[in-house]
Amino acid sequence: MGHRAPERRASLAGFAMVGVAAASWGTWSLFLRPTSLPATVTVPIIFLVIGLVTLPVALRAPRVAWDRTTLALVAANTAFDALNVLTFFAAIQRTTVAIAVLTHYLAPIFIALAAPRIDGVADRGARPAAVIALAGLVVVLEPWHAPADGALLGAALGVASAVCYAGNVFTVRRIAARIGATRALCYHALVGAAALAPPAAGRLGTLTPGDLGLLAAGAALLGAASGVMFTVGLLRIGSARAAVLTFLEPMVAVAVGAAIWHEPLHPIAALGGVLVLGAGLQVAREPR
């Protein structure tokens, strides 16, 4: 019995870390929308801050062998995550938080559908869940009404972010196993910031100290701190239980959209959201 108490405490701490990190990601709109800046400007700044905040820890990590496979994985991690964040942040700026985050949370379905080919792991419920999620997405968008300004483009960007996020999940597992989670986060953030800097350079003059402060705070808290917290918690409780807890993010995001940004949430659209999240939750809970 004695040796189980520390294990239980570690497990509870892991649940808390993953839950807090996931819930914090639901508040991204609080840091992005007040700036009114496009994602092409905000993303490289956020990546740069994440890289700088995590760099001291990354530099103290044990040495690793930088072979071609490792370098290719870093490049893939950078590309997938940069496109994921660009499209997700752009969706938040162009449509309601609910539409942006619910379309983004099609990612677990895409992961389950791709897993048999990429990881050799089949999920019998993936295809039915994909059908249910698609039906829920149609209900969220309410095509029988005239679409709100930016709704269709925002939804398309959200779906694109889900695809990129799914690709990043398969990549980051492999790169973290080779060089460690913090180093992977740091290096891909710095490379991403450098790659995305040229398009943003022309708009840097429009940044106010308030904008920069908001973006830096979001990057340090939600990007770096929550990213490391999530990774540590993930190692303690495993990917299956962590995947379930990540559904705190859309719940918090929709609540923030309604409470802070006064976005309407129609009952039928809420039903569609339940279908999307329920399908993803079922996939996340399937034993691997």
Protein backbone atom coordinates (compact mmCIF):
# COMPACT_ATOMS: atom_id res chain seq x y z
CA MET A 1 0.00 0.00 0.00
CA GLY A 2 2.81 2.38 0.88
CA HIS A 3 4.31 2.52 -2.59
CA ARG A 4 0.91 3.25 -4.17
CA ALA A 5 0.46 6.61 -2.43
CA PRO A 6 3.31 8.37 -4.32
CA GLU A 7 2.05 6.84 -7.58
CA ARG A 8 -1.46 8.08 -6.88
CA ARG A 9 -0.20 11.57 -6.04
CA ALA A 10 1.84 11.63 -9.25
CA SER A 11 -1.20 10.51 -11.22
CA LEU A 12 -3.43 13.16 -9.64
CA ALA A 13 -0.79 15.78 -10.32
CA GLY A 14 -0.67 14.61 -13.94
CA PHE A 15 -4.44 14.96 -14.29
CA ALA A 16 -4.24 18.47 -12.82
CA MET A 17 -1.40 19.50 -15.14
CA VAL A 18 -3.13 18.28 -18.29
CA GLY A 19 -6.49 19.71 -17.23
CA VAL A 20 -5.11 23.15 -16.35
CA ALA A 21 -3.08 23.30 -19.57
CA ALA A 22 -6.04 22.31 -21.74
CA ALA A 23 -8.38 24.76 -20.02
CA SER A 24 -5.84 27.57 -20.39
CA TRP A 25 -5.68 27.02 -24.16
CA GLY A 26 -9.36 27.87 -24.32
CA THR A 27 -8.48 31.48 -23.41
CA TRP A 28 -6.32 32.23 -26.48
CA SER A 29 -8.92 34.65 -27.85
CA LEU A 30 -8.34 36.92 -24.83
CA PHE A 31 -4.77 37.47 -25.99
CA LEU A 32 -5.39 37.59 -29.75
CA ARG A 33 -8.59 39.48 -30.45
CA PRO A 34 -7.74 42.73 -28.61
CA THR A 35 -4.71 43.22 -30.89
CA SER A 36 -6.77 42.98 -34.12
CA LEU A 37 -3.58 41.71 -35.77
CA PRO A 38 -3.53 38.99 -38.46
CA ALA A 39 -2.16 35.56 -37.64
CA THR A 40 0.82 36.18 -39.93
CA VAL A 41 1.99 38.81 -37.41
CA THR A 42 0.99 37.22 -34.11
CA VAL A 43 2.29 33.70 -34.74
CA PRO A 44 6.00 34.50 -35.33
CA ILE A 45 6.03 36.74 -32.25
CA ILE A 46 4.43 34.03 -30.12
CA PHE A 47 6.80 31.38 -31.48
CA LEU A 48 9.80 33.60 -30.74
CA VAL A 49 8.74 34.15 -27.13
CA ILE A 50 8.06 30.42 -26.62
CA GLY A 51 11.50 29.60 -28.00
CA LEU A 52 13.28 32.16 -25.82
CA VAL A 53 11.41 31.16 -22.66
CA THR A 54 12.22 27.45 -23.08
CA LEU A 55 15.76 27.92 -24.44
CA PRO A 56 17.61 27.85 -21.07
CA VAL A 57 16.10 24.44 -20.25
CA ALA A 58 16.73 23.13 -23.77
CA LEU A 59 20.40 24.11 -23.61
CA ARG A 60 20.88 22.15 -20.38
CA ALA A 61 19.33 18.97 -21.80
CA PRO A 62 21.58 15.96 -22.51
CA ARG A 63 23.32 15.80 -25.87
CA VAL A 64 21.64 13.98 -28.73
CA ALA A 65 22.70 12.69 -32.13
CA TRP A 66 21.52 15.06 -34.87
CA ASP A 67 21.09 12.67 -37.78
CA ARG A 68 19.03 13.21 -40.92
CA THR A 69 15.91 11.66 -39.45
CA THR A 70 16.01 13.94 -36.40
CA LEU A 71 16.50 17.04 -38.55
CA ALA A 72 13.65 15.96 -40.84
CA LEU A 73 11.37 15.46 -37.84
CA VAL A 74 12.22 18.93 -36.50
CA ALA A 75 11.39 20.40 -39.92
CA ALA A 76 8.09 18.49 -40.08
CA ASN A 77 7.23 19.47 -36.50
CA THR A 78 7.89 23.11 -37.37
CA ALA A 79 5.83 23.04 -40.57
CA PHE A 80 2.83 21.23 -39.08
CA ASP A 81 2.71 23.33 -35.91
CA ALA A 82 3.22 26.64 -37.72
CA LEU A 83 0.39 25.87 -40.15
CA ASN A 84 -1.77 24.59 -37.29
CA VAL A 85 -1.36 27.77 -35.25
CA LEU A 86 -1.62 30.10 -38.25
CA THR A 87 -4.90 28.62 -39.43
CA PHE A 88 -6.37 28.29 -35.92
CA PHE A 89 -5.55 31.87 -34.94
CA ALA A 90 -6.84 33.10 -38.30
CA ALA A 91 -10.10 31.20 -37.67
CA ILE A 92 -10.49 32.89 -34.27
CA GLN A 93 -10.07 36.30 -35.93
CA ARG A 94 -12.56 35.60 -38.74
CA THR A 95 -15.45 33.78 -37.07
CA THR A 96 -16.90 32.98 -33.67
CA VAL A 97 -14.73 31.24 -31.11
CA ALA A 98 -17.26 28.38 -31.08
CA ILE A 99 -16.95 27.67 -34.81
CA ALA A 100 -13.16 28.05 -34.77
CA VAL A 101 -12.56 25.74 -31.83
CA LEU A 102 -15.17 23.11 -32.74
CA THR A 103 -13.83 22.70 -36.28
CA HIS A 104 -10.31 22.55 -34.83
CA TYR A 105 -11.48 19.70 -32.59
CA LEU A 106 -12.11 17.47 -35.57
CA ALA A 107 -8.42 16.63 -35.06
CA PRO A 108 -9.00 13.51 -32.90
CA ILE A 109 -11.16 12.08 -35.70
CA PHE A 110 -8.43 12.74 -38.30
CA ILE A 111 -5.82 11.18 -36.00
CA ALA A 112 -7.91 8.05 -35.52
CA LEU A 113 -8.56 7.74 -39.26
CA ALA A 114 -4.86 8.13 -40.13
CA ALA A 115 -3.45 5.99 -37.30
CA PRO A 116 -3.81 2.63 -39.12
CA ARG A 117 -1.59 3.81 -41.98
CA ILE A 118 0.91 5.84 -39.93
CA ASP A 119 1.16 4.00 -36.61
CA GLY A 120 -0.37 0.67 -37.60
CA VAL A 121 -3.08 1.11 -34.94
CA ALA A 122 -6.72 0.62 -35.97
CA ASP A 123 -9.70 2.25 -34.27
CA ARG A 124 -12.98 0.51 -35.07
CA GLY A 125 -15.05 3.54 -34.04
CA ALA A 126 -13.16 6.10 -36.11
CA ARG A 127 -15.34 6.04 -39.21
CA PRO A 128 -18.72 6.20 -37.41
CA ALA A 129 -17.30 8.97 -35.22
CA ALA A 130 -16.20 10.87 -38.33
CA VAL A 131 -19.74 10.70 -39.73
CA ILE A 132 -21.22 11.93 -36.43
CA ALA A 133 -18.66 14.74 -36.19
CA LEU A 134 -19.37 15.83 -39.76
CA ALA A 135 -23.11 15.92 -39.01
CA GLY A 136 -22.40 17.96 -35.89
CA LEU A 137 -20.27 20.38 -37.86
CA VAL A 138 -23.09 20.91 -40.36
CA VAL A 139 -25.45 21.67 -37.49
CA VAL A 140 -22.98 24.15 -35.94
CA LEU A 141 -22.71 26.05 -39.24
CA GLU A 142 -26.51 26.04 -39.71
CA PRO A 143 -26.44 26.11 -43.54
CA TRP A 144 -30.24 26.57 -43.66
CA HIS A 145 -29.60 30.14 -42.48
CA ALA A 146 -27.57 32.79 -44.26
CA PRO A 147 -24.01 32.23 -42.97
CA ALA A 148 -22.63 34.87 -40.65
CA ASP A 149 -19.78 36.99 -41.96
CA GLY A 150 -16.61 34.92 -42.01
CA ALA A 151 -18.32 31.72 -40.80
CA LEU A 152 -17.49 29.57 -43.82
CA LEU A 153 -13.93 30.83 -44.16
CA GLY A 154 -13.40 30.51 -40.41
CA ALA A 155 -14.72 26.95 -40.45
CA ALA A 156 -12.46 26.04 -43.38
CA LEU A 157 -9.46 27.47 -41.50
CA GLY A 158 -10.49 25.51 -38.38
CA VAL A 159 -10.65 22.26 -40.36
CA ALA A 160 -7.25 23.02 -41.90
CA SER A 161 -5.82 23.58 -38.42
CA ALA A 162 -7.27 20.22 -37.34
CA VAL A 163 -5.52 18.46 -40.24
CA CYS A 164 -2.21 20.14 -39.40
CA TYR A 165 -2.64 19.40 -35.71
CA ALA A 166 -3.20 15.73 -36.50
CA GLY A 167 -0.02 15.65 -38.58
CA ASN A 168 1.85 17.33 -35.74
CA VAL A 169 0.68 14.72 -33.21
CA PHE A 170 2.27 11.92 -35.21
CA THR A 171 5.45 13.97 -35.68
CA VAL A 172 5.96 15.34 -32.19
CA ARG A 173 5.76 11.90 -30.57
CA ARG A 174 8.72 10.81 -32.66
CA ILE A 175 10.83 13.94 -32.25
CA ALA A 176 10.22 14.17 -28.48
CA ALA A 177 11.40 10.58 -28.08
CA ARG A 178 14.66 11.54 -29.79
CA ILE A 179 15.52 14.95 -28.31
CA GLY A 180 13.09 15.49 -25.40
CA ALA A 181 9.84 17.41 -25.17
CA THR A 182 11.21 20.78 -24.01
CA ARG A 183 13.97 20.84 -26.60
CA ALA A 184 11.50 19.87 -29.33
CA LEU A 185 9.17 22.70 -28.26
CA CYS A 186 12.00 25.23 -28.10
CA TYR A 187 13.76 24.41 -31.35
CA HIS A 188 10.68 24.12 -33.53
CA ALA A 189 9.37 27.41 -32.09
CA LEU A 190 12.61 29.25 -32.91
CA VAL A 191 12.80 27.76 -36.41
CA GLY A 192 9.13 28.58 -36.97
CA ALA A 193 9.62 32.17 -35.81
CA ALA A 194 12.51 32.63 -38.24
CA ALA A 195 10.59 31.07 -41.13
CA LEU A 196 7.50 33.21 -40.53
CA ALA A 197 9.34 36.46 -39.80
CA PRO A 198 9.55 37.85 -43.39
CA PRO A 199 5.78 38.16 -43.95
CA ALA A 200 5.40 39.84 -40.55
CA ALA A 201 8.31 42.26 -40.92
CA GLY A 202 6.28 44.90 -42.75
CA ARG A 203 3.68 45.05 -39.99
CA LEU A 204 5.97 45.25 -36.97
CA GLY A 205 5.81 49.03 -37.02
CA THR A 206 2.08 48.89 -36.26
CA LEU A 207 2.62 46.96 -33.02
CA THR A 208 1.79 48.88 -29.86
CA PRO A 209 3.40 48.09 -26.48
CA GLY A 210 0.01 46.78 -25.35
CA ASP A 211 -0.21 44.42 -28.32
CA LEU A 212 3.30 43.13 -27.74
CA GLY A 213 2.63 42.68 -24.03
CA LEU A 214 -0.53 40.66 -24.68
CA LEU A 215 1.15 38.41 -27.23
CA ALA A 216 4.21 37.89 -25.01
CA ALA A 217 2.01 37.04 -22.03
CA GLY A 218 -0.03 34.57 -24.09
CA ALA A 219 3.11 32.95 -25.47
CA ALA A 220 4.77 32.63 -22.06
CA LEU A 221 1.68 31.38 -20.23
CA LEU A 222 -0.31 29.39 -22.78
CA GLY A 223 2.49 28.50 -25.17
CA ALA A 224 5.53 27.75 -23.01
CA ALA A 225 4.24 27.13 -19.47
CA SER A 226 1.09 25.24 -20.47
CA GLY A 227 3.00 23.36 -23.18
CA VAL A 228 5.59 22.07 -20.71
CA MET A 229 2.91 21.40 -18.08
CA PHE A 230 0.87 19.38 -20.56
CA THR A 231 3.90 17.32 -21.62
CA VAL A 232 4.88 16.49 -18.04
CA GLY A 233 1.30 15.54 -17.22
CA LEU A 234 1.07 13.47 -20.39
CA LEU A 235 4.05 11.39 -19.31
CA ARG A 236 2.36 10.70 -15.96
CA ILE A 237 -1.14 9.71 -17.07
CA GLY A 238 -0.71 8.53 -20.67
CA SER A 239 -2.06 9.77 -23.96
CA ALA A 240 -5.53 8.18 -23.76
CA ARG A 241 -6.57 9.91 -20.53
CA ALA A 242 -4.80 13.12 -21.54
CA ALA A 243 -6.74 13.18 -24.81
CA VAL A 244 -10.02 13.11 -22.88
CA LEU A 245 -8.95 16.03 -20.67
CA THR A 246 -8.01 18.18 -23.69
CA PHE A 247 -11.73 18.55 -24.37
CA LEU A 248 -11.72 21.11 -21.58
CA GLU A 249 -10.23 23.51 -24.15
CA PRO A 250 -13.29 23.84 -26.42
CA MET A 251 -15.62 24.02 -23.41
CA VAL A 252 -13.65 26.94 -21.96
CA ALA A 253 -13.26 28.57 -25.38
CA VAL A 254 -16.99 28.51 -26.09
CA ALA A 255 -17.70 29.87 -22.60
CA VAL A 256 -15.21 32.70 -23.15
CA GLY A 257 -16.80 33.47 -26.52
CA ALA A 258 -20.24 33.75 -24.95
CA ALA A 259 -19.23 35.58 -21.76
CA ILE A 260 -16.51 37.93 -23.02
CA TRP A 261 -17.20 38.38 -26.72
CA HIS A 262 -21.01 38.12 -26.42
CA GLU A 263 -21.23 35.51 -29.16
CA PRO A 264 -24.69 33.93 -29.44
CA LEU A 265 -24.94 30.21 -28.92
CA HIS A 266 -28.16 28.90 -30.44
CA PRO A 267 -29.59 25.69 -28.92
CA ILE A 268 -29.38 23.78 -32.20
CA ALA A 269 -25.79 24.93 -32.74
CA ALA A 270 -25.01 23.79 -29.21
CA LEU A 271 -26.40 20.36 -30.15
CA GLY A 272 -24.01 20.27 -33.12
CA GLY A 273 -21.13 21.12 -30.81
CA VAL A 274 -22.10 18.25 -28.51
CA LEU A 275 -22.04 15.88 -31.51
CA VAL A 276 -18.55 17.06 -32.59
CA LEU A 277 -17.11 16.88 -29.08
CA GLY A 278 -18.86 13.62 -28.28
CA ALA A 279 -17.46 11.95 -31.39
CA GLY A 280 -13.97 13.17 -30.60
CA LEU A 281 -14.29 12.15 -26.97
CA GLN A 282 -15.34 8.63 -27.93
CA VAL A 283 -12.33 8.30 -30.25
CA ALA A 284 -10.00 9.63 -27.56
CA ARG A 285 -11.28 7.06 -25.05
CA GLU A 286 -10.86 4.08 -27.38
CA PRO A 287 -8.09 1.75 -26.13
CA ARG A 288 -5.01 1.87 -28.33
